[in-house]
Amino acid sequence: MIHITRLAVLLLALALPGLALAHGPTRQKVTLSVDVAASPEEVWQAIGNFQDMSWHPAVHSQIGKNGNEIDATRVLTLGEQGGPTISELLYKHSDEKMSYSYRIEDVAVEVLPVTNYSSHLTVKPREDGGSEVEWRGAFYRGYPNNDPPAELDDAAAIAAVTGVYQAGLDALVERFGAAE
């Protein structure tokens, strides 16, 4: 019996280094910001309503429930009528801090190649006037297992989220002008 126990311990010890080397995907993060000429209040008026993402050029339309209350939901339709959708849930909102946080509840990875996505949008005053808009997110790639296809790997997820953020921030610069 002692030999069987020792053999089991030895086999387990040999297996552990291999288990330590195996791991799944790593949480990715993207943070982009832009300085605009408008006051923080003016920018927040345009982007601070969770139920109105009309300022983003990729959003064709949206429907939602519960305004800016915690657990409010919205469904964004992208591109054109009948285009792909993204369902999101608000989990933090502060007019005082000019910030809100949300997460994606449902999206096809072919539309946005991410899983477990959460995001934060914040408007801050700049010392020299105008505003800084920061958009940051954390997520996992669209393929949760090892050896993902290229369209669902970390690089694809980072590129897609960066593209979404950049398009939105560029639209704000176009609308309010760049801060000097």
C-alpha atoms as a PDB file:
ATOM      1  CA  MET A   1       0.000   0.000   0.000  1.00  0.00           C
ATOM      2  CA  ILE A   2       2.860   2.368   0.793  1.00  0.00           C
ATOM      3  CA  HIS A   3       4.337   1.762  -2.671  1.00  0.00           C
ATOM      4  CA  ILE A   4       1.035   2.661  -4.351  1.00  0.00           C
ATOM      5  CA  THR A   5       0.779   5.894  -2.301  1.00  0.00           C
ATOM      6  CA  ARG A   6       4.378   6.822  -3.158  1.00  0.00           C
ATOM      7  CA  LEU A   7       3.751   6.051  -6.814  1.00  0.00           C
ATOM      8  CA  ALA A   8       0.623   8.256  -6.780  1.00  0.00           C
ATOM      9  CA  VAL A   9       2.537  11.127  -5.134  1.00  0.00           C
ATOM     10  CA  LEU A  10       5.375  10.758  -7.646  1.00  0.00           C
ATOM     11  CA  LEU A  11       2.986  10.785 -10.608  1.00  0.00           C
ATOM     12  CA  LEU A  12       1.197  13.833  -9.232  1.00  0.00           C
ATOM     13  CA  ALA A  13       4.513  15.650  -8.715  1.00  0.00           C
ATOM     14  CA  LEU A  14       5.540  14.892 -12.282  1.00  0.00           C
ATOM     15  CA  ALA A  15       2.201  16.124 -13.633  1.00  0.00           C
ATOM     16  CA  LEU A  16       2.162  19.455 -11.728  1.00  0.00           C
ATOM     17  CA  PRO A  17       4.890  21.248 -13.726  1.00  0.00           C
ATOM     18  CA  GLY A  18       2.932  20.577 -16.905  1.00  0.00           C
ATOM     19  CA  LEU A  19      -0.246  21.886 -15.295  1.00  0.00           C
ATOM     20  CA  ALA A  20       1.561  25.031 -14.183  1.00  0.00           C
ATOM     21  CA  LEU A  21       2.600  25.747 -17.773  1.00  0.00           C
ATOM     22  CA  ALA A  22      -0.906  25.338 -19.188  1.00  0.00           C
ATOM     23  CA  HIS A  23      -3.078  28.427 -19.016  1.00  0.00           C
ATOM     24  CA  GLY A  24      -5.940  30.096 -20.808  1.00  0.00           C
ATOM     25  CA  PRO A  25      -6.167  33.567 -22.289  1.00  0.00           C
ATOM     26  CA  THR A  26      -4.983  36.695 -20.502  1.00  0.00           C
ATOM     27  CA  ARG A  27      -7.315  39.622 -19.808  1.00  0.00           C
ATOM     28  CA  GLN A  28      -6.534  42.398 -22.266  1.00  0.00           C
ATOM     29  CA  LYS A  29      -6.907  46.132 -21.661  1.00  0.00           C
ATOM     30  CA  VAL A  30      -7.294  49.119 -23.939  1.00  0.00           C
ATOM     31  CA  THR A  31      -7.300  52.770 -22.850  1.00  0.00           C
ATOM     32  CA  LEU A  32      -7.658  55.651 -25.284  1.00  0.00           C
ATOM     33  CA  SER A  33      -8.261  59.312 -24.590  1.00  0.00           C
ATOM     34  CA  VAL A  34      -8.745  62.505 -26.515  1.00  0.00           C
ATOM     35  CA  ASP A  35      -8.675  66.192 -25.600  1.00  0.00           C
ATOM     36  CA  VAL A  36     -11.560  68.280 -26.920  1.00  0.00           C
ATOM     37  CA  ALA A  37     -12.180  72.033 -26.809  1.00  0.00           C
ATOM     38  CA  ALA A  38     -15.629  71.868 -25.155  1.00  0.00           C
ATOM     39  CA  SER A  39     -16.266  72.088 -21.436  1.00  0.00           C
ATOM     40  CA  PRO A  40     -16.658  68.847 -19.483  1.00  0.00           C
ATOM     41  CA  GLU A  41     -20.329  69.679 -18.895  1.00  0.00           C
ATOM     42  CA  GLU A  42     -20.978  70.118 -22.619  1.00  0.00           C
ATOM     43  CA  VAL A  43     -19.220  66.855 -23.489  1.00  0.00           C
ATOM     44  CA  TRP A  44     -20.985  64.968 -20.692  1.00  0.00           C
ATOM     45  CA  GLN A  45     -24.307  66.314 -21.954  1.00  0.00           C
ATOM     46  CA  ALA A  46     -23.527  64.660 -25.318  1.00  0.00           C
ATOM     47  CA  ILE A  47     -22.168  61.308 -24.104  1.00  0.00           C
ATOM     48  CA  GLY A  48     -23.294  60.857 -20.493  1.00  0.00           C
ATOM     49  CA  ASN A  49     -26.685  59.338 -21.190  1.00  0.00           C
ATOM     50  CA  PHE A  50     -26.326  55.550 -21.360  1.00  0.00           C
ATOM     51  CA  GLN A  51     -29.480  55.408 -23.474  1.00  0.00           C
ATOM     52  CA  ASP A  52     -28.111  57.712 -26.196  1.00  0.00           C
ATOM     53  CA  MET A  53     -25.051  56.578 -28.078  1.00  0.00           C
ATOM     54  CA  SER A  54     -25.996  58.481 -31.220  1.00  0.00           C
ATOM     55  CA  TRP A  55     -22.675  60.329 -30.959  1.00  0.00           C
ATOM     56  CA  HIS A  56     -20.804  57.175 -32.070  1.00  0.00           C
ATOM     57  CA  PRO A  57     -20.678  56.742 -35.874  1.00  0.00           C
ATOM     58  CA  ALA A  58     -20.982  52.928 -35.752  1.00  0.00           C
ATOM     59  CA  VAL A  59     -24.323  53.057 -33.925  1.00  0.00           C
ATOM     60  CA  HIS A  60     -27.314  53.136 -36.254  1.00  0.00           C
ATOM     61  CA  SER A  61     -29.969  52.954 -33.540  1.00  0.00           C
ATOM     62  CA  GLN A  62     -30.611  51.730 -30.035  1.00  0.00           C
ATOM     63  CA  ILE A  63     -33.321  50.768 -27.632  1.00  0.00           C
ATOM     64  CA  GLY A  64     -33.016  50.571 -23.894  1.00  0.00           C
ATOM     65  CA  LYS A  65     -34.673  50.442 -20.510  1.00  0.00           C
ATOM     66  CA  ASN A  66     -34.257  52.232 -17.177  1.00  0.00           C
ATOM     67  CA  GLY A  67     -32.291  55.312 -18.271  1.00  0.00           C
ATOM     68  CA  ASN A  68     -29.092  55.750 -16.290  1.00  0.00           C
ATOM     69  CA  GLU A  69     -30.156  53.572 -13.371  1.00  0.00           C
ATOM     70  CA  ILE A  70     -27.907  50.705 -12.294  1.00  0.00           C
ATOM     71  CA  ASP A  71     -28.797  47.577 -14.299  1.00  0.00           C
ATOM     72  CA  ALA A  72     -30.216  49.674 -17.150  1.00  0.00           C
ATOM     73  CA  THR A  73     -29.906  47.929 -20.500  1.00  0.00           C
ATOM     74  CA  ARG A  74     -29.416  48.979 -24.083  1.00  0.00           C
ATOM     75  CA  VAL A  75     -29.250  47.180 -27.388  1.00  0.00           C
ATOM     76  CA  LEU A  76     -27.142  48.916 -30.018  1.00  0.00           C
ATOM     77  CA  THR A  77     -27.778  48.218 -33.692  1.00  0.00           C
ATOM     78  CA  LEU A  78     -24.621  48.745 -35.705  1.00  0.00           C
ATOM     79  CA  GLY A  79     -24.170  49.850 -39.282  1.00  0.00           C
ATOM     80  CA  GLU A  80     -27.656  50.031 -40.714  1.00  0.00           C
ATOM     81  CA  GLN A  81     -31.216  48.915 -40.049  1.00  0.00           C
ATOM     82  CA  GLY A  82     -31.146  45.195 -39.333  1.00  0.00           C
ATOM     83  CA  GLY A  83     -27.382  45.254 -38.686  1.00  0.00           C
ATOM     84  CA  PRO A  84     -25.646  43.305 -35.917  1.00  0.00           C
ATOM     85  CA  THR A  85     -26.480  44.149 -32.310  1.00  0.00           C
ATOM     86  CA  ILE A  86     -24.686  44.460 -28.997  1.00  0.00           C
ATOM     87  CA  SER A  87     -26.588  44.120 -25.710  1.00  0.00           C
ATOM     88  CA  GLU A  88     -25.101  46.017 -22.785  1.00  0.00           C
ATOM     89  CA  LEU A  89     -25.782  46.523 -19.069  1.00  0.00           C
ATOM     90  CA  LEU A  90     -24.961  49.635 -17.032  1.00  0.00           C
ATOM     91  CA  TYR A  91     -23.387  48.884 -13.660  1.00  0.00           C
ATOM     92  CA  LYS A  92     -22.104  52.287 -12.571  1.00  0.00           C
ATOM     93  CA  HIS A  93     -23.168  55.842 -13.444  1.00  0.00           C
ATOM     94  CA  SER A  94     -22.238  59.181 -11.887  1.00  0.00           C
ATOM     95  CA  ASP A  95     -23.207  62.576 -13.268  1.00  0.00           C
ATOM     96  CA  GLU A  96     -21.050  64.125 -10.548  1.00  0.00           C
ATOM     97  CA  LYS A  97     -17.935  62.202 -11.651  1.00  0.00           C
ATOM     98  CA  MET A  98     -19.022  62.346 -15.321  1.00  0.00           C
ATOM     99  CA  SER A  99     -18.407  58.656 -15.670  1.00  0.00           C
ATOM    100  CA  TYR A 100     -20.239  55.440 -16.389  1.00  0.00           C
ATOM    101  CA  SER A 101     -19.315  51.775 -16.578  1.00  0.00           C
ATOM    102  CA  TYR A 102     -21.008  49.020 -18.508  1.00  0.00           C
ATOM    103  CA  ARG A 103     -20.469  45.501 -19.731  1.00  0.00           C
ATOM    104  CA  ILE A 104     -21.484  43.587 -22.802  1.00  0.00           C
ATOM    105  CA  GLU A 105     -24.115  40.986 -22.054  1.00  0.00           C
ATOM    106  CA  ASP A 106     -24.425  39.608 -25.594  1.00  0.00           C
ATOM    107  CA  VAL A 107     -22.512  40.067 -28.846  1.00  0.00           C
ATOM    108  CA  ALA A 108     -21.500  37.700 -31.610  1.00  0.00           C
ATOM    109  CA  VAL A 109     -17.728  37.267 -31.700  1.00  0.00           C
ATOM    110  CA  GLU A 110     -17.935  37.843 -35.457  1.00  0.00           C
ATOM    111  CA  VAL A 111     -19.135  41.388 -34.651  1.00  0.00           C
ATOM    112  CA  LEU A 112     -16.730  42.135 -31.789  1.00  0.00           C
ATOM    113  CA  PRO A 113     -14.204  39.337 -31.068  1.00  0.00           C
ATOM    114  CA  VAL A 114     -14.292  39.632 -27.266  1.00  0.00           C
ATOM    115  CA  THR A 115     -15.738  37.903 -24.225  1.00  0.00           C
ATOM    116  CA  ASN A 116     -16.222  39.165 -20.659  1.00  0.00           C
ATOM    117  CA  TYR A 117     -15.992  42.786 -21.818  1.00  0.00           C
ATOM    118  CA  SER A 118     -16.422  45.730 -19.466  1.00  0.00           C
ATOM    119  CA  SER A 119     -15.832  49.383 -20.211  1.00  0.00           C
ATOM    120  CA  HIS A 120     -15.612  52.807 -18.560  1.00  0.00           C
ATOM    121  CA  LEU A 121     -16.249  56.178 -20.183  1.00  0.00           C
ATOM    122  CA  THR A 122     -15.149  59.311 -18.311  1.00  0.00           C
ATOM    123  CA  VAL A 123     -15.002  63.056 -18.988  1.00  0.00           C
ATOM    124  CA  LYS A 124     -12.436  65.095 -17.047  1.00  0.00           C
ATOM    125  CA  PRO A 125     -11.599  68.809 -17.084  1.00  0.00           C
ATOM    126  CA  ARG A 126      -8.253  69.843 -18.554  1.00  0.00           C
ATOM    127  CA  GLU A 127      -6.079  72.365 -16.720  1.00  0.00           C
ATOM    128  CA  ASP A 128      -5.827  74.532 -19.836  1.00  0.00           C
ATOM    129  CA  GLY A 129      -9.558  74.370 -20.566  1.00  0.00           C
ATOM    130  CA  GLY A 130     -11.582  71.904 -22.514  1.00  0.00           C
ATOM    131  CA  SER A 131     -12.007  68.268 -21.621  1.00  0.00           C
ATOM    132  CA  GLU A 132     -10.306  64.917 -21.715  1.00  0.00           C
ATOM    133  CA  VAL A 133     -12.499  61.981 -22.661  1.00  0.00           C
ATOM    134  CA  GLU A 134     -11.130  58.608 -21.591  1.00  0.00           C
ATOM    135  CA  TRP A 135     -12.542  55.297 -22.767  1.00  0.00           C
ATOM    136  CA  ARG A 136     -11.066  52.149 -21.320  1.00  0.00           C
ATOM    137  CA  GLY A 137     -12.025  48.542 -21.387  1.00  0.00           C
ATOM    138  CA  ALA A 138     -10.955  45.106 -20.249  1.00  0.00           C
ATOM    139  CA  PHE A 139     -11.875  41.879 -21.981  1.00  0.00           C
ATOM    140  CA  TYR A 140     -10.787  38.456 -23.103  1.00  0.00           C
ATOM    141  CA  ARG A 141     -10.329  37.435 -26.704  1.00  0.00           C
ATOM    142  CA  GLY A 142     -13.231  35.924 -28.607  1.00  0.00           C
ATOM    143  CA  TYR A 143     -11.851  32.371 -28.471  1.00  0.00           C
ATOM    144  CA  PRO A 144     -11.491  31.255 -24.843  1.00  0.00           C
ATOM    145  CA  ASN A 145      -9.301  28.192 -25.449  1.00  0.00           C
ATOM    146  CA  ASN A 146      -5.657  27.846 -26.435  1.00  0.00           C
ATOM    147  CA  ASP A 147      -4.602  28.199 -30.078  1.00  0.00           C
ATOM    148  CA  PRO A 148      -7.329  30.616 -31.224  1.00  0.00           C
ATOM    149  CA  PRO A 149      -7.919  31.327 -34.904  1.00  0.00           C
ATOM    150  CA  ALA A 150      -6.400  34.673 -35.982  1.00  0.00           C
ATOM    151  CA  GLU A 151      -9.785  36.420 -36.175  1.00  0.00           C
ATOM    152  CA  LEU A 152     -10.503  35.582 -32.512  1.00  0.00           C
ATOM    153  CA  ASP A 153      -7.064  35.963 -30.916  1.00  0.00           C
ATOM    154  CA  ASP A 154      -5.740  38.656 -28.554  1.00  0.00           C
ATOM    155  CA  ALA A 155      -4.485  40.867 -31.394  1.00  0.00           C
ATOM    156  CA  ALA A 156      -7.872  40.777 -33.138  1.00  0.00           C
ATOM    157  CA  ALA A 157      -9.696  41.630 -29.894  1.00  0.00           C
ATOM    158  CA  ILE A 158      -7.355  44.530 -29.112  1.00  0.00           C
ATOM    159  CA  ALA A 159      -7.584  45.864 -32.675  1.00  0.00           C
ATOM    160  CA  ALA A 160     -11.392  45.678 -32.693  1.00  0.00           C
ATOM    161  CA  VAL A 161     -11.844  47.438 -29.342  1.00  0.00           C
ATOM    162  CA  THR A 162      -9.238  50.049 -30.265  1.00  0.00           C
ATOM    163  CA  GLY A 163     -11.108  50.687 -33.525  1.00  0.00           C
ATOM    164  CA  VAL A 164     -14.436  51.153 -31.724  1.00  0.00           C
ATOM    165  CA  TYR A 165     -12.928  53.554 -29.194  1.00  0.00           C
ATOM    166  CA  GLN A 166     -10.957  55.507 -31.785  1.00  0.00           C
ATOM    167  CA  ALA A 167     -13.992  55.979 -34.048  1.00  0.00           C
ATOM    168  CA  GLY A 168     -16.026  57.316 -31.122  1.00  0.00           C
ATOM    169  CA  LEU A 169     -13.290  59.621 -29.876  1.00  0.00           C
ATOM    170  CA  ASP A 170     -12.609  60.903 -33.401  1.00  0.00           C
ATOM    171  CA  ALA A 171     -16.318  61.739 -33.707  1.00  0.00           C
ATOM    172  CA  LEU A 172     -16.082  63.790 -30.500  1.00  0.00           C
ATOM    173  CA  VAL A 173     -13.098  65.740 -31.841  1.00  0.00           C
ATOM    174  CA  GLU A 174     -15.036  66.383 -35.048  1.00  0.00           C
ATOM    175  CA  ARG A 175     -18.033  67.564 -33.036  1.00  0.00           C
ATOM    176  CA  PHE A 176     -16.280  69.685 -30.392  1.00  0.00           C
ATOM    177  CA  GLY A 177     -12.896  70.464 -31.925  1.00  0.00           C
ATOM    178  CA  ALA A 178      -9.503  69.446 -30.617  1.00  0.00           C
ATOM    179  CA  ALA A 179      -8.196  71.121 -27.468  1.00  0.00           C
ATOM    180  CA  GLU A 180      -5.120  73.260 -27.985  1.00  0.00           C
END
